[in-house]
Amino acid sequence: MSFAFRTFLLASVVALGASGAIAQEKKTLIVAEPLHSTGYLPLYVAIQKGFLAEENLDVKILTVESGAGHTNATLSGQAFAFIGGPEHNAFAKIKGGELRGIVNVVNRGNVYYVAKKGMEPKPGEDLASYFKGKSVALNFYGGTPYSITLYMLNKWKLNPKSDVTLKEMATGAIIATVKAGAAQIAVTTEPVLTRGVNEGIWSEPILNVPQDLGPYAYSTLNVRLASIKEDPKTVAAFVRGIIKGLKFTDTHHEETLAIAKKEFPTMSLEDLKATIDRSFADSIWSKDGMISPESWKTGEAVVLEAGILKKPVAYDEIIDMQFVKSTQASIAQ
């Protein structure tokens, strides 16, 4: 064997080894979230349990607490995906941006209405009559709880400007506002809901939106259309990992609680368990990742009623279920 040939073989082996190392290197993806929420638990499960790592993905969370910051991070390419309502895809579509919901996480309107302790509706009193003349503490205009509130008031034929007083504020101020008596009703979600119950500030919900509105595309994972066209393998791998997280969350409640404790270490285990138990009881999380046309129809109606979405946007212009369907097909085989 000549020296030149031996050198060629050695170089080939080194090159193959290097290419193999490159092939094993995980692709880093950033997922932007508007806040760190127990509602997004299946996403955290998919990361903590290594389901995304199994797909050769290193997924990191970027918390962007500034309105549409999570959407903009994705549109600009700073993040691969964001978690939030697909109405953000519709807002972007109207302005010329192209985003697509690729897998579902929260399939119910994760919002609850509570009344100050001792000021609950009388037995048999309808909510339209109860709400009239009351002050309601809720998040700022543009957020989903505010949009759902406008939707419900319209459903009850109440004028949001004259029949009720809507007091907009940060989430952290809602408990104090109700406790002080400056509002009789709060629009809230977990874990603030359980905290208020345990502290005796309000009673159990007087209106359970997850049960009342049914399937609702509340928090989906969304990517740029360009990502789907240019790197469909990565999008498919991401969806597979998320679906594994959804399925694990649905079937392993105790271990899911343990993962939640790691994500929210300052919450008491009692409050955290109550939060997770409520989420399971109200079917908050999708089990299969599908975003149904029915769930977008509800979500669209809410933002149209709120005046935040100015015109209807078709389901297939903002949602793409090809990767969920292909994952389901592979599982069925």
C-alpha atoms as a PDB file:
ATOM      1  CA  MET A   1       0.000   0.000   0.000  1.00  0.00           C
ATOM      2  CA  SER A   2       1.523   3.302  -1.071  1.00  0.00           C
ATOM      3  CA  PHE A   3       2.079   6.183   1.320  1.00  0.00           C
ATOM      4  CA  ALA A   4      -0.271   8.363  -0.725  1.00  0.00           C
ATOM      5  CA  PHE A   5      -3.063   5.766  -0.526  1.00  0.00           C
ATOM      6  CA  ARG A   6      -2.578   5.311   3.234  1.00  0.00           C
ATOM      7  CA  THR A   7      -2.765   9.104   3.644  1.00  0.00           C
ATOM      8  CA  PHE A   8      -5.995   9.155   1.600  1.00  0.00           C
ATOM      9  CA  LEU A   9      -7.564   6.437   3.775  1.00  0.00           C
ATOM     10  CA  LEU A  10      -6.588   8.215   6.970  1.00  0.00           C
ATOM     11  CA  ALA A  11      -8.010  11.492   5.707  1.00  0.00           C
ATOM     12  CA  SER A  12     -11.236   9.724   4.713  1.00  0.00           C
ATOM     13  CA  VAL A  13     -11.646   8.183   8.173  1.00  0.00           C
ATOM     14  CA  VAL A  14     -11.070  11.554   9.855  1.00  0.00           C
ATOM     15  CA  ALA A  15     -13.580  13.210   7.515  1.00  0.00           C
ATOM     16  CA  LEU A  16     -16.203  10.535   8.195  1.00  0.00           C
ATOM     17  CA  GLY A  17     -15.649  10.906  11.922  1.00  0.00           C
ATOM     18  CA  ALA A  18     -16.048  14.664  11.691  1.00  0.00           C
ATOM     19  CA  SER A  19     -19.219  14.396   9.622  1.00  0.00           C
ATOM     20  CA  GLY A  20     -20.618  11.911  12.135  1.00  0.00           C
ATOM     21  CA  ALA A  21     -19.907  14.336  14.977  1.00  0.00           C
ATOM     22  CA  ILE A  22     -21.643  17.105  13.059  1.00  0.00           C
ATOM     23  CA  ALA A  23     -24.628  14.858  12.435  1.00  0.00           C
ATOM     24  CA  GLN A  24     -24.927  14.197  16.182  1.00  0.00           C
ATOM     25  CA  GLU A  25     -24.721  17.859  17.135  1.00  0.00           C
ATOM     26  CA  LYS A  26     -28.105  19.096  18.359  1.00  0.00           C
ATOM     27  CA  LYS A  27     -29.804  22.005  16.642  1.00  0.00           C
ATOM     28  CA  THR A  28     -30.593  24.795  19.094  1.00  0.00           C
ATOM     29  CA  LEU A  29     -34.089  26.269  18.869  1.00  0.00           C
ATOM     30  CA  ILE A  30     -35.521  29.192  20.823  1.00  0.00           C
ATOM     31  CA  VAL A  31     -39.203  29.188  21.806  1.00  0.00           C
ATOM     32  CA  ALA A  32     -40.552  32.570  22.931  1.00  0.00           C
ATOM     33  CA  GLU A  33     -43.278  32.757  25.577  1.00  0.00           C
ATOM     34  CA  PRO A  34     -45.191  35.809  26.870  1.00  0.00           C
ATOM     35  CA  LEU A  35     -44.825  34.593  30.476  1.00  0.00           C
ATOM     36  CA  HIS A  36     -43.719  31.459  32.294  1.00  0.00           C
ATOM     37  CA  SER A  37     -47.036  29.712  32.827  1.00  0.00           C
ATOM     38  CA  THR A  38     -48.332  26.413  34.179  1.00  0.00           C
ATOM     39  CA  GLY A  39     -50.564  26.476  31.108  1.00  0.00           C
ATOM     40  CA  TYR A  40     -47.509  25.738  28.972  1.00  0.00           C
ATOM     41  CA  LEU A  41     -46.510  22.717  31.060  1.00  0.00           C
ATOM     42  CA  PRO A  42     -46.520  20.140  28.200  1.00  0.00           C
ATOM     43  CA  LEU A  43     -43.842  22.228  26.450  1.00  0.00           C
ATOM     44  CA  TYR A  44     -41.685  22.162  29.575  1.00  0.00           C
ATOM     45  CA  VAL A  45     -42.332  18.424  29.937  1.00  0.00           C
ATOM     46  CA  ALA A  46     -41.130  17.839  26.373  1.00  0.00           C
ATOM     47  CA  ILE A  47     -37.900  19.645  27.257  1.00  0.00           C
ATOM     48  CA  GLN A  48     -37.359  18.187  30.734  1.00  0.00           C
ATOM     49  CA  LYS A  49     -38.110  14.598  29.695  1.00  0.00           C
ATOM     50  CA  GLY A  50     -35.734  14.812  26.740  1.00  0.00           C
ATOM     51  CA  PHE A  51     -38.392  14.215  24.087  1.00  0.00           C
ATOM     52  CA  LEU A  52     -37.066  17.095  22.003  1.00  0.00           C
ATOM     53  CA  ALA A  53     -33.475  16.029  22.642  1.00  0.00           C
ATOM     54  CA  GLU A  54     -34.433  12.624  21.220  1.00  0.00           C
ATOM     55  CA  GLU A  55     -35.254  14.504  18.026  1.00  0.00           C
ATOM     56  CA  ASN A  56     -31.742  16.040  18.081  1.00  0.00           C
ATOM     57  CA  LEU A  57     -33.098  19.408  19.217  1.00  0.00           C
ATOM     58  CA  ASP A  58     -31.839  21.579  22.054  1.00  0.00           C
ATOM     59  CA  VAL A  59     -34.863  23.772  22.865  1.00  0.00           C
ATOM     60  CA  LYS A  60     -34.482  26.810  25.079  1.00  0.00           C
ATOM     61  CA  ILE A  61     -37.214  29.098  26.429  1.00  0.00           C
ATOM     62  CA  LEU A  62     -37.129  32.869  25.997  1.00  0.00           C
ATOM     63  CA  THR A  63     -39.656  34.708  28.187  1.00  0.00           C
ATOM     64  CA  VAL A  64     -40.697  38.004  26.559  1.00  0.00           C
ATOM     65  CA  GLU A  65     -43.098  39.869  28.839  1.00  0.00           C
ATOM     66  CA  SER A  66     -44.042  42.666  26.454  1.00  0.00           C
ATOM     67  CA  GLY A  67     -47.297  42.427  24.546  1.00  0.00           C
ATOM     68  CA  ALA A  68     -46.566  40.953  21.135  1.00  0.00           C
ATOM     69  CA  GLY A  69     -42.863  40.512  21.917  1.00  0.00           C
ATOM     70  CA  HIS A  70     -43.040  36.718  21.623  1.00  0.00           C
ATOM     71  CA  THR A  71     -44.645  37.020  18.175  1.00  0.00           C
ATOM     72  CA  ASN A  72     -42.152  39.628  17.013  1.00  0.00           C
ATOM     73  CA  ALA A  73     -39.237  37.514  18.214  1.00  0.00           C
ATOM     74  CA  THR A  74     -40.415  34.761  15.876  1.00  0.00           C
ATOM     75  CA  LEU A  75     -41.157  37.047  12.947  1.00  0.00           C
ATOM     76  CA  SER A  76     -37.674  38.557  13.232  1.00  0.00           C
ATOM     77  CA  GLY A  77     -35.963  35.173  13.450  1.00  0.00           C
ATOM     78  CA  GLN A  78     -34.731  35.694  17.005  1.00  0.00           C
ATOM     79  CA  ALA A  79     -36.905  32.718  17.987  1.00  0.00           C
ATOM     80  CA  PHE A  80     -37.820  29.597  16.047  1.00  0.00           C
ATOM     81  CA  ALA A  81     -41.346  29.526  17.485  1.00  0.00           C
ATOM     82  CA  PHE A  82     -43.620  31.232  19.982  1.00  0.00           C
ATOM     83  CA  ILE A  83     -46.344  29.858  22.189  1.00  0.00           C
ATOM     84  CA  GLY A  84     -49.566  31.855  22.147  1.00  0.00           C
ATOM     85  CA  GLY A  85     -52.940  32.116  20.471  1.00  0.00           C
ATOM     86  CA  PRO A  86     -53.046  31.690  16.689  1.00  0.00           C
ATOM     87  CA  GLU A  87     -54.848  35.027  16.534  1.00  0.00           C
ATOM     88  CA  HIS A  88     -51.323  36.473  16.601  1.00  0.00           C
ATOM     89  CA  ASN A  89     -50.749  34.687  13.297  1.00  0.00           C
ATOM     90  CA  ALA A  90     -53.914  36.357  12.011  1.00  0.00           C
ATOM     91  CA  PHE A  91     -52.745  39.793  13.186  1.00  0.00           C
ATOM     92  CA  ALA A  92     -49.432  39.212  11.386  1.00  0.00           C
ATOM     93  CA  LYS A  93     -51.210  37.954   8.261  1.00  0.00           C
ATOM     94  CA  ILE A  94     -53.202  41.168   7.928  1.00  0.00           C
ATOM     95  CA  LYS A  95     -49.939  43.142   8.166  1.00  0.00           C
ATOM     96  CA  GLY A  96     -48.160  40.912   5.633  1.00  0.00           C
ATOM     97  CA  GLY A  97     -46.420  38.492   8.006  1.00  0.00           C
ATOM     98  CA  GLU A  98     -46.678  34.741   7.493  1.00  0.00           C
ATOM     99  CA  LEU A  99     -46.897  32.565  10.600  1.00  0.00           C
ATOM    100  CA  ARG A 100     -48.461  29.137  11.061  1.00  0.00           C
ATOM    101  CA  GLY A 101     -49.722  27.232  14.085  1.00  0.00           C
ATOM    102  CA  ILE A 102     -48.119  23.791  13.827  1.00  0.00           C
ATOM    103  CA  VAL A 103     -49.155  22.006  17.039  1.00  0.00           C
ATOM    104  CA  ASN A 104     -51.670  22.657  19.812  1.00  0.00           C
ATOM    105  CA  VAL A 105     -50.865  22.906  23.516  1.00  0.00           C
ATOM    106  CA  VAL A 106     -53.767  24.628  25.321  1.00  0.00           C
ATOM    107  CA  ASN A 107     -57.086  23.628  23.778  1.00  0.00           C
ATOM    108  CA  ARG A 108     -59.413  25.519  26.119  1.00  0.00           C
ATOM    109  CA  GLY A 109     -59.843  29.157  27.051  1.00  0.00           C
ATOM    110  CA  ASN A 110     -57.682  29.107  30.167  1.00  0.00           C
ATOM    111  CA  VAL A 111     -59.615  31.862  31.947  1.00  0.00           C
ATOM    112  CA  TYR A 112     -61.844  31.902  35.025  1.00  0.00           C
ATOM    113  CA  TYR A 113     -64.168  34.505  36.573  1.00  0.00           C
ATOM    114  CA  VAL A 114     -64.250  34.725  40.345  1.00  0.00           C
ATOM    115  CA  ALA A 115     -66.236  36.845  42.801  1.00  0.00           C
ATOM    116  CA  LYS A 116     -64.945  38.456  45.974  1.00  0.00           C
ATOM    117  CA  LYS A 117     -65.608  36.238  48.985  1.00  0.00           C
ATOM    118  CA  GLY A 118     -69.097  36.969  50.332  1.00  0.00           C
ATOM    119  CA  MET A 119     -70.212  38.739  47.136  1.00  0.00           C
ATOM    120  CA  GLU A 120     -70.978  35.696  44.984  1.00  0.00           C
ATOM    121  CA  PRO A 121     -74.121  35.557  42.786  1.00  0.00           C
ATOM    122  CA  LYS A 122     -77.279  34.659  44.627  1.00  0.00           C
ATOM    123  CA  PRO A 123     -78.665  31.149  43.990  1.00  0.00           C
ATOM    124  CA  GLY A 124     -80.398  31.146  40.610  1.00  0.00           C
ATOM    125  CA  GLU A 125     -79.116  34.621  39.646  1.00  0.00           C
ATOM    126  CA  ASP A 126     -78.055  34.800  36.003  1.00  0.00           C
ATOM    127  CA  LEU A 127     -74.594  36.143  35.254  1.00  0.00           C
ATOM    128  CA  ALA A 128     -75.834  39.011  33.086  1.00  0.00           C
ATOM    129  CA  SER A 129     -77.776  40.430  36.032  1.00  0.00           C
ATOM    130  CA  TYR A 130     -74.925  39.730  38.434  1.00  0.00           C
ATOM    131  CA  PHE A 131     -72.245  41.458  36.346  1.00  0.00           C
ATOM    132  CA  LYS A 132     -74.304  44.600  35.730  1.00  0.00           C
ATOM    133  CA  GLY A 133     -72.981  47.494  37.806  1.00  0.00           C
ATOM    134  CA  LYS A 134     -69.933  45.581  39.025  1.00  0.00           C
ATOM    135  CA  SER A 135     -66.234  46.436  38.745  1.00  0.00           C
ATOM    136  CA  VAL A 136     -64.086  43.783  37.063  1.00  0.00           C
ATOM    137  CA  ALA A 137     -60.315  43.466  37.580  1.00  0.00           C
ATOM    138  CA  LEU A 138     -58.561  42.053  34.538  1.00  0.00           C
ATOM    139  CA  ASN A 139     -55.448  42.254  32.387  1.00  0.00           C
ATOM    140  CA  PHE A 140     -54.888  44.963  29.815  1.00  0.00           C
ATOM    141  CA  TYR A 141     -56.733  45.404  26.529  1.00  0.00           C
ATOM    142  CA  GLY A 142     -55.242  43.186  23.824  1.00  0.00           C
ATOM    143  CA  GLY A 143     -54.764  40.200  26.094  1.00  0.00           C
ATOM    144  CA  THR A 144     -56.967  37.134  25.718  1.00  0.00           C
ATOM    145  CA  PRO A 145     -58.699  37.479  29.138  1.00  0.00           C
ATOM    146  CA  TYR A 146     -59.802  40.984  28.118  1.00  0.00           C
ATOM    147  CA  SER A 147     -61.001  39.756  24.722  1.00  0.00           C
ATOM    148  CA  ILE A 148     -62.950  36.905  26.290  1.00  0.00           C
ATOM    149  CA  THR A 149     -64.543  39.378  28.709  1.00  0.00           C
ATOM    150  CA  LEU A 150     -65.791  41.559  25.841  1.00  0.00           C
ATOM    151  CA  TYR A 151     -67.070  38.418  24.104  1.00  0.00           C
ATOM    152  CA  MET A 152     -68.975  37.280  27.200  1.00  0.00           C
ATOM    153  CA  LEU A 153     -70.427  40.756  27.872  1.00  0.00           C
ATOM    154  CA  ASN A 154     -71.743  40.887  24.321  1.00  0.00           C
ATOM    155  CA  LYS A 155     -73.216  37.413  24.795  1.00  0.00           C
ATOM    156  CA  TRP A 156     -75.048  38.738  27.873  1.00  0.00           C
ATOM    157  CA  LYS A 157     -76.055  41.938  26.025  1.00  0.00           C
ATOM    158  CA  LEU A 158     -74.112  44.151  28.430  1.00  0.00           C
ATOM    159  CA  ASN A 159     -72.321  47.330  27.369  1.00  0.00           C
ATOM    160  CA  PRO A 160     -68.646  47.192  28.479  1.00  0.00           C
ATOM    161  CA  LYS A 161     -68.547  50.988  28.807  1.00  0.00           C
ATOM    162  CA  SER A 162     -71.737  51.610  30.744  1.00  0.00           C
ATOM    163  CA  ASP A 163     -72.982  48.373  32.320  1.00  0.00           C
ATOM    164  CA  VAL A 164     -69.705  47.341  33.984  1.00  0.00           C
ATOM    165  CA  THR A 165     -66.422  48.986  34.992  1.00  0.00           C
ATOM    166  CA  LEU A 166     -63.410  47.232  33.511  1.00  0.00           C
ATOM    167  CA  LYS A 167     -60.264  47.916  35.534  1.00  0.00           C
ATOM    168  CA  GLU A 168     -57.141  47.037  33.561  1.00  0.00           C
ATOM    169  CA  MET A 169     -54.001  46.068  35.470  1.00  0.00           C
ATOM    170  CA  ALA A 170     -51.012  43.750  35.668  1.00  0.00           C
ATOM    171  CA  THR A 171     -51.709  40.186  36.802  1.00  0.00           C
ATOM    172  CA  GLY A 172     -49.915  40.734  40.095  1.00  0.00           C
ATOM    173  CA  ALA A 173     -52.277  43.546  41.073  1.00  0.00           C
ATOM    174  CA  ILE A 174     -55.554  41.645  40.599  1.00  0.00           C
ATOM    175  CA  ILE A 175     -55.562  39.866  43.970  1.00  0.00           C
ATOM    176  CA  ALA A 176     -54.824  43.080  45.897  1.00  0.00           C
ATOM    177  CA  THR A 177     -57.514  44.978  43.989  1.00  0.00           C
ATOM    178  CA  VAL A 178     -60.231  42.455  44.842  1.00  0.00           C
ATOM    179  CA  LYS A 179     -58.994  42.097  48.422  1.00  0.00           C
ATOM    180  CA  ALA A 180     -59.273  45.865  48.894  1.00  0.00           C
ATOM    181  CA  GLY A 181     -62.824  45.852  47.502  1.00  0.00           C
ATOM    182  CA  ALA A 182     -61.939  48.016  44.499  1.00  0.00           C
ATOM    183  CA  ALA A 183     -63.352  45.271  42.263  1.00  0.00           C
ATOM    184  CA  GLN A 184     -65.984  42.646  42.995  1.00  0.00           C
ATOM    185  CA  ILE A 185     -65.064  40.311  40.122  1.00  0.00           C
ATOM    186  CA  ALA A 186     -61.702  39.164  38.801  1.00  0.00           C
ATOM    187  CA  VAL A 187     -60.732  37.575  35.512  1.00  0.00           C
ATOM    188  CA  THR A 188     -57.887  35.255  36.312  1.00  0.00           C
ATOM    189  CA  THR A 189     -56.113  32.006  35.573  1.00  0.00           C
ATOM    190  CA  GLU A 190     -53.897  29.538  37.363  1.00  0.00           C
ATOM    191  CA  PRO A 191     -51.898  29.746  39.562  1.00  0.00           C
ATOM    192  CA  VAL A 192     -53.370  33.098  40.712  1.00  0.00           C
ATOM    193  CA  LEU A 193     -56.828  31.493  40.838  1.00  0.00           C
ATOM    194  CA  THR A 194     -55.819  28.869  43.424  1.00  0.00           C
ATOM    195  CA  ARG A 195     -53.820  31.403  45.424  1.00  0.00           C
ATOM    196  CA  GLY A 196     -56.868  33.678  45.731  1.00  0.00           C
ATOM    197  CA  VAL A 197     -59.078  30.762  46.810  1.00  0.00           C
ATOM    198  CA  ASN A 198     -56.562  29.589  49.417  1.00  0.00           C
ATOM    199  CA  GLU A 199     -56.132  33.112  50.801  1.00  0.00           C
ATOM    200  CA  GLY A 200     -59.906  33.541  51.111  1.00  0.00           C
ATOM    201  CA  ILE A 201     -60.021  36.496  48.732  1.00  0.00           C
ATOM    202  CA  TRP A 202     -62.486  34.907  46.324  1.00  0.00           C
ATOM    203  CA  SER A 203     -64.503  31.714  46.015  1.00  0.00           C
ATOM    204  CA  GLU A 204     -64.328  28.984  43.396  1.00  0.00           C
ATOM    205  CA  PRO A 205     -65.062  30.274  39.856  1.00  0.00           C
ATOM    206  CA  ILE A 206     -68.511  31.647  39.072  1.00  0.00           C
ATOM    207  CA  LEU A 207     -67.742  31.119  35.375  1.00  0.00           C
ATOM    208  CA  ASN A 208     -65.497  28.375  34.033  1.00  0.00           C
ATOM    209  CA  VAL A 209     -64.509  29.428  30.495  1.00  0.00           C
ATOM    210  CA  PRO A 210     -62.826  26.103  29.597  1.00  0.00           C
ATOM    211  CA  GLN A 211     -66.133  24.358  30.182  1.00  0.00           C
ATOM    212  CA  ASP A 212     -68.350  27.153  28.874  1.00  0.00           C
ATOM    213  CA  LEU A 213     -66.672  27.776  25.504  1.00  0.00           C
ATOM    214  CA  GLY A 214     -65.358  24.266  24.763  1.00  0.00           C
ATOM    215  CA  PRO A 215     -62.527  23.676  22.245  1.00  0.00           C
ATOM    216  CA  TYR A 216     -60.558  26.891  21.851  1.00  0.00           C
ATOM    217  CA  ALA A 217     -57.163  27.342  20.163  1.00  0.00           C
ATOM    218  CA  TYR A 218     -55.797  29.258  23.141  1.00  0.00           C
ATOM    219  CA  SER A 219     -52.054  28.520  23.066  1.00  0.00           C
ATOM    220  CA  THR A 220     -50.458  26.892  20.047  1.00  0.00           C
ATOM    221  CA  LEU A 221     -46.839  26.660  18.933  1.00  0.00           C
ATOM    222  CA  ASN A 222     -46.305  28.847  15.894  1.00  0.00           C
ATOM    223  CA  VAL A 223     -43.441  29.247  13.407  1.00  0.00           C
ATOM    224  CA  ARG A 224     -42.666  31.314  10.333  1.00  0.00           C
ATOM    225  CA  LEU A 225     -44.029  29.940   7.087  1.00  0.00           C
ATOM    226  CA  ALA A 226     -40.439  30.234   5.837  1.00  0.00           C
ATOM    227  CA  SER A 227     -39.351  27.639   8.429  1.00  0.00           C
ATOM    228  CA  ILE A 228     -41.925  25.183   7.090  1.00  0.00           C
ATOM    229  CA  LYS A 229     -40.790  25.720   3.508  1.00  0.00           C
ATOM    230  CA  GLU A 230     -37.039  25.866   4.090  1.00  0.00           C
ATOM    231  CA  ASP A 231     -36.537  23.406   6.970  1.00  0.00           C
ATOM    232  CA  PRO A 232     -39.516  21.051   7.195  1.00  0.00           C
ATOM    233  CA  LYS A 233     -37.416  18.292   8.833  1.00  0.00           C
ATOM    234  CA  THR A 234     -36.716  20.489  11.850  1.00  0.00           C
ATOM    235  CA  VAL A 235     -40.357  21.539  12.101  1.00  0.00           C
ATOM    236  CA  ALA A 236     -41.449  17.895  11.910  1.00  0.00           C
ATOM    237  CA  ALA A 237     -38.937  16.874  14.601  1.00  0.00           C
ATOM    238  CA  PHE A 238     -40.118  19.710  16.840  1.00  0.00           C
ATOM    239  CA  VAL A 239     -43.756  18.669  16.464  1.00  0.00           C
ATOM    240  CA  ARG A 240     -42.918  15.019  17.230  1.00  0.00           C
ATOM    241  CA  GLY A 241     -41.178  16.039  20.448  1.00  0.00           C
ATOM    242  CA  ILE A 242     -44.062  18.260  21.542  1.00  0.00           C
ATOM    243  CA  ILE A 243     -46.625  15.517  20.897  1.00  0.00           C
ATOM    244  CA  LYS A 244     -44.572  13.174  23.080  1.00  0.00           C
ATOM    245  CA  GLY A 245     -44.737  15.846  25.780  1.00  0.00           C
ATOM    246  CA  LEU A 246     -48.510  16.174  25.419  1.00  0.00           C
ATOM    247  CA  LYS A 247     -49.036  12.434  25.674  1.00  0.00           C
ATOM    248  CA  PHE A 248     -46.732  12.101  28.680  1.00  0.00           C
ATOM    249  CA  THR A 249     -48.477  14.972  30.461  1.00  0.00           C
ATOM    250  CA  ASP A 250     -51.839  13.320  29.900  1.00  0.00           C
ATOM    251  CA  THR A 251     -50.796   9.907  31.193  1.00  0.00           C
ATOM    252  CA  HIS A 252     -48.194  10.607  33.905  1.00  0.00           C
ATOM    253  CA  HIS A 253     -49.799  13.041  36.317  1.00  0.00           C
ATOM    254  CA  GLU A 254     -47.466  12.540  39.277  1.00  0.00           C
ATOM    255  CA  GLU A 255     -44.285  12.906  37.245  1.00  0.00           C
ATOM    256  CA  THR A 256     -45.776  15.913  35.462  1.00  0.00           C
ATOM    257  CA  LEU A 257     -46.355  17.497  38.870  1.00  0.00           C
ATOM    258  CA  ALA A 258     -42.711  16.853  39.773  1.00  0.00           C
ATOM    259  CA  ILE A 259     -41.590  18.586  36.564  1.00  0.00           C
ATOM    260  CA  ALA A 260     -43.932  21.487  37.329  1.00  0.00           C
ATOM    261  CA  LYS A 261     -42.284  21.862  40.736  1.00  0.00           C
ATOM    262  CA  LYS A 262     -38.903  22.243  39.024  1.00  0.00           C
ATOM    263  CA  GLU A 263     -40.320  24.897  36.683  1.00  0.00           C
ATOM    264  CA  PHE A 264     -42.124  26.796  39.462  1.00  0.00           C
ATOM    265  CA  PRO A 265     -39.962  26.258  42.562  1.00  0.00           C
ATOM    266  CA  THR A 266     -41.431  29.175  44.529  1.00  0.00           C
ATOM    267  CA  MET A 267     -44.998  27.812  44.377  1.00  0.00           C
ATOM    268  CA  SER A 268     -46.108  25.676  47.290  1.00  0.00           C
ATOM    269  CA  LEU A 269     -46.655  22.045  46.374  1.00  0.00           C
ATOM    270  CA  GLU A 270     -50.269  22.344  47.586  1.00  0.00           C
ATOM    271  CA  ASP A 271     -51.030  25.278  45.275  1.00  0.00           C
ATOM    272  CA  LEU A 272     -49.198  23.679  42.381  1.00  0.00           C
ATOM    273  CA  LYS A 273     -51.071  20.390  42.746  1.00  0.00           C
ATOM    274  CA  ALA A 274     -54.415  22.208  42.902  1.00  0.00           C
ATOM    275  CA  THR A 275     -53.457  24.139  39.758  1.00  0.00           C
ATOM    276  CA  ILE A 276     -52.461  20.997  37.842  1.00  0.00           C
ATOM    277  CA  ASP A 277     -55.517  19.058  39.050  1.00  0.00           C
ATOM    278  CA  ARG A 278     -57.819  21.859  37.834  1.00  0.00           C
ATOM    279  CA  SER A 279     -56.083  21.872  34.455  1.00  0.00           C
ATOM    280  CA  PHE A 280     -56.656  18.139  34.031  1.00  0.00           C
ATOM    281  CA  ALA A 281     -60.262  18.384  35.254  1.00  0.00           C
ATOM    282  CA  ASP A 282     -61.020  21.131  32.724  1.00  0.00           C
ATOM    283  CA  SER A 283     -59.202  19.396  29.821  1.00  0.00           C
ATOM    284  CA  ILE A 284     -56.944  22.411  29.373  1.00  0.00           C
ATOM    285  CA  TRP A 285     -54.236  20.578  27.448  1.00  0.00           C
ATOM    286  CA  SER A 286     -54.475  19.024  24.019  1.00  0.00           C
ATOM    287  CA  LYS A 287     -53.820  15.290  24.002  1.00  0.00           C
ATOM    288  CA  ASP A 288     -52.834  14.928  20.353  1.00  0.00           C
ATOM    289  CA  GLY A 289     -51.600  18.332  19.162  1.00  0.00           C
ATOM    290  CA  MET A 290     -54.445  18.915  16.699  1.00  0.00           C
ATOM    291  CA  ILE A 291     -55.719  22.451  16.179  1.00  0.00           C
ATOM    292  CA  SER A 292     -59.262  21.872  14.960  1.00  0.00           C
ATOM    293  CA  PRO A 293     -61.194  24.288  12.726  1.00  0.00           C
ATOM    294  CA  GLU A 294     -63.795  24.446  15.518  1.00  0.00           C
ATOM    295  CA  SER A 295     -61.165  25.619  18.031  1.00  0.00           C
ATOM    296  CA  TRP A 296     -60.027  28.428  15.717  1.00  0.00           C
ATOM    297  CA  LYS A 297     -63.638  29.426  15.009  1.00  0.00           C
ATOM    298  CA  THR A 298     -64.122  30.097  18.723  1.00  0.00           C
ATOM    299  CA  GLY A 299     -60.808  31.908  19.081  1.00  0.00           C
ATOM    300  CA  GLU A 300     -61.508  34.021  16.010  1.00  0.00           C
ATOM    301  CA  ALA A 301     -64.992  34.956  17.261  1.00  0.00           C
ATOM    302  CA  VAL A 302     -63.501  36.199  20.526  1.00  0.00           C
ATOM    303  CA  VAL A 303     -60.925  38.549  18.955  1.00  0.00           C
ATOM    304  CA  LEU A 304     -63.371  39.743  16.296  1.00  0.00           C
ATOM    305  CA  GLU A 305     -65.892  40.628  18.995  1.00  0.00           C
ATOM    306  CA  ALA A 306     -63.179  42.439  20.938  1.00  0.00           C
ATOM    307  CA  GLY A 307     -62.319  44.458  17.835  1.00  0.00           C
ATOM    308  CA  ILE A 308     -58.685  43.342  18.015  1.00  0.00           C
ATOM    309  CA  LEU A 309     -58.928  41.331  14.805  1.00  0.00           C
ATOM    310  CA  LYS A 310     -60.422  43.595  12.166  1.00  0.00           C
ATOM    311  CA  LYS A 311     -61.562  40.950   9.683  1.00  0.00           C
ATOM    312  CA  PRO A 312     -61.908  37.152   9.539  1.00  0.00           C
ATOM    313  CA  VAL A 313     -58.861  35.090   8.611  1.00  0.00           C
ATOM    314  CA  ALA A 314     -59.258  31.578   7.203  1.00  0.00           C
ATOM    315  CA  TYR A 315     -58.067  28.579   9.203  1.00  0.00           C
ATOM    316  CA  ASP A 316     -55.643  27.323   6.552  1.00  0.00           C
ATOM    317  CA  GLU A 317     -54.034  30.765   6.225  1.00  0.00           C
ATOM    318  CA  ILE A 318     -52.665  30.624   9.774  1.00  0.00           C
ATOM    319  CA  ILE A 319     -52.692  26.933  10.768  1.00  0.00           C
ATOM    320  CA  ASP A 320     -50.847  23.971   9.230  1.00  0.00           C
ATOM    321  CA  MET A 321     -51.541  20.501  10.606  1.00  0.00           C
ATOM    322  CA  GLN A 322     -49.443  18.480   8.148  1.00  0.00           C
ATOM    323  CA  PHE A 323     -46.773  17.679  10.743  1.00  0.00           C
ATOM    324  CA  VAL A 324     -49.250  16.632  13.435  1.00  0.00           C
ATOM    325  CA  LYS A 325     -51.043  14.413  10.910  1.00  0.00           C
ATOM    326  CA  SER A 326     -47.837  12.770   9.746  1.00  0.00           C
ATOM    327  CA  THR A 327     -46.813  12.125  13.365  1.00  0.00           C
ATOM    328  CA  GLN A 328     -50.187  10.552  14.105  1.00  0.00           C
ATOM    329  CA  ALA A 329     -49.903   8.393  10.977  1.00  0.00           C
ATOM    330  CA  SER A 330     -46.475   7.130  12.046  1.00  0.00           C
ATOM    331  CA  ILE A 331     -47.766   6.335  15.561  1.00  0.00           C
ATOM    332  CA  ALA A 332     -50.698   4.384  14.087  1.00  0.00           C
ATOM    333  CA  GLN A 333     -48.424   2.173  11.983  1.00  0.00           C
END
